[in-house]
Amino acid sequence: MTAKTSRTRKDSGRNGTLEVPLRNHAERALSDYFSNLNGHKPAHLYDMVLREVEEPLFRAVLDYSAGNQCRAAAILGINRGTLRKKMRQFGLSAA
């Protein structure tokens, strides 16, 4: 991994390279997913990953922002209307 791919939180890795922990977790989870297919062919992986990641992302950001939708939307880089739509979609409340 290069420093170019590490834009947000930067931590020194074992080899002196910069690593993004979330990226590492995603790579490990995807590697495990492929290892456990047991001969099945993967399909619609992009949609599956978004479904698996999007709701916990919104939960974590809303928790971090103490339910402040304006702040949560800014953290996510989306507008409040989109945030509210996603909150309804996932059955989340601001409190």
Protein backbone atom coordinates (compact mmCIF):
# COMPACT_ATOMS: atom_id res chain seq x y z
CA MET A 1 0.00 0.00 0.00
CA THR A 2 1.29 3.44 -0.79
CA ALA A 3 0.90 6.73 1.02
CA LYS A 4 -1.22 7.89 -1.92
CA THR A 5 -3.98 5.42 -0.99
CA SER A 6 -3.96 6.56 2.63
CA ARG A 7 -5.88 9.80 2.77
CA THR A 8 -7.64 9.80 6.10
CA ARG A 9 -6.34 8.23 9.28
CA LYS A 10 -2.70 7.23 8.85
CA ASP A 11 -0.84 4.70 10.97
CA SER A 12 2.66 3.36 10.46
CA GLY A 13 2.69 -0.22 9.30
CA ARG A 14 5.28 -2.91 9.91
CA ASN A 15 7.27 -2.04 6.81
CA GLY A 16 7.22 1.70 7.38
CA THR A 17 4.37 2.07 4.89
CA LEU A 18 1.14 3.85 5.73
CA GLU A 19 -1.92 1.72 6.29
CA VAL A 20 -5.58 2.55 6.64
CA PRO A 21 -7.04 0.15 9.21
CA LEU A 22 -10.54 0.15 7.71
CA ARG A 23 -9.10 -0.81 4.32
CA ASN A 24 -7.23 -3.68 5.95
CA HIS A 25 -10.41 -4.94 7.61
CA ALA A 26 -12.30 -4.79 4.32
CA GLU A 27 -9.56 -6.65 2.46
CA ARG A 28 -9.43 -9.32 5.16
CA ALA A 29 -13.24 -9.72 5.17
CA LEU A 30 -13.34 -10.03 1.39
CA SER A 31 -10.49 -12.54 1.43
CA ASP A 32 -12.39 -14.60 4.02
CA TYR A 33 -15.55 -14.34 1.93
CA PHE A 34 -13.78 -15.73 -1.15
CA SER A 35 -12.09 -18.44 0.92
CA ASN A 36 -15.44 -19.63 2.27
CA LEU A 37 -17.37 -19.86 -0.99
CA ASN A 38 -17.05 -23.67 -1.01
CA GLY A 39 -17.26 -23.87 -4.79
CA HIS A 40 -20.10 -21.36 -5.13
CA LYS A 41 -19.68 -18.54 -7.61
CA PRO A 42 -19.85 -15.02 -6.18
CA ALA A 43 -22.48 -12.73 -7.64
CA HIS A 44 -23.63 -9.15 -7.02
CA LEU A 45 -20.67 -8.59 -4.71
CA TYR A 46 -20.78 -4.79 -4.99
CA ASP A 47 -24.41 -4.62 -3.84
CA MET A 48 -23.76 -7.12 -1.06
CA VAL A 49 -20.80 -5.15 0.29
CA LEU A 50 -22.78 -1.90 0.24
CA ARG A 51 -25.68 -3.54 2.11
CA GLU A 52 -23.29 -4.95 4.71
CA VAL A 53 -21.34 -1.72 5.26
CA GLU A 54 -23.80 1.13 4.76
CA GLU A 55 -26.09 0.59 7.75
CA PRO A 56 -23.28 0.14 10.33
CA LEU A 57 -21.59 3.20 8.83
CA PHE A 58 -24.69 5.34 9.38
CA ARG A 59 -25.20 3.91 12.89
CA ALA A 60 -21.60 4.66 13.87
CA VAL A 61 -21.65 8.20 12.47
CA LEU A 62 -24.98 9.02 14.11
CA ASP A 63 -23.64 7.68 17.39
CA TYR A 64 -20.40 9.64 17.01
CA SER A 65 -22.34 12.83 16.24
CA ALA A 66 -24.69 12.18 19.20
CA GLY A 67 -27.63 12.15 16.80
CA ASN A 68 -26.83 15.57 15.35
CA GLN A 69 -28.02 15.12 11.76
CA CYS A 70 -26.30 18.22 10.45
CA ARG A 71 -22.97 17.04 11.83
CA ALA A 72 -23.55 13.43 10.71
CA ALA A 73 -24.34 14.55 7.17
CA ALA A 74 -21.19 16.69 7.10
CA ILE A 75 -19.07 13.77 8.34
CA LEU A 76 -20.53 11.52 5.66
CA GLY A 77 -20.22 14.16 2.96
CA ILE A 78 -23.92 14.00 2.06
CA ASN A 79 -26.80 16.41 2.49
CA ARG A 80 -29.30 16.13 5.35
CA GLY A 81 -32.08 15.02 3.01
CA THR A 82 -30.03 12.03 1.88
CA LEU A 83 -29.14 11.29 5.50
CA ARG A 84 -32.80 11.31 6.52
CA LYS A 85 -33.72 9.08 3.57
CA LYS A 86 -31.05 6.56 4.58
CA MET A 87 -32.13 6.74 8.22
CA ARG A 88 -35.69 5.85 7.19
CA GLN A 89 -34.38 3.08 4.95
CA PHE A 90 -32.44 1.52 7.83
CA GLY A 91 -35.01 2.30 10.54
CA LEU A 92 -32.60 4.57 12.41
CA SER A 93 -33.51 7.40 14.75
CA ALA A 94 -31.40 10.43 15.57
CA ALA A 95 -31.49 9.82 19.33
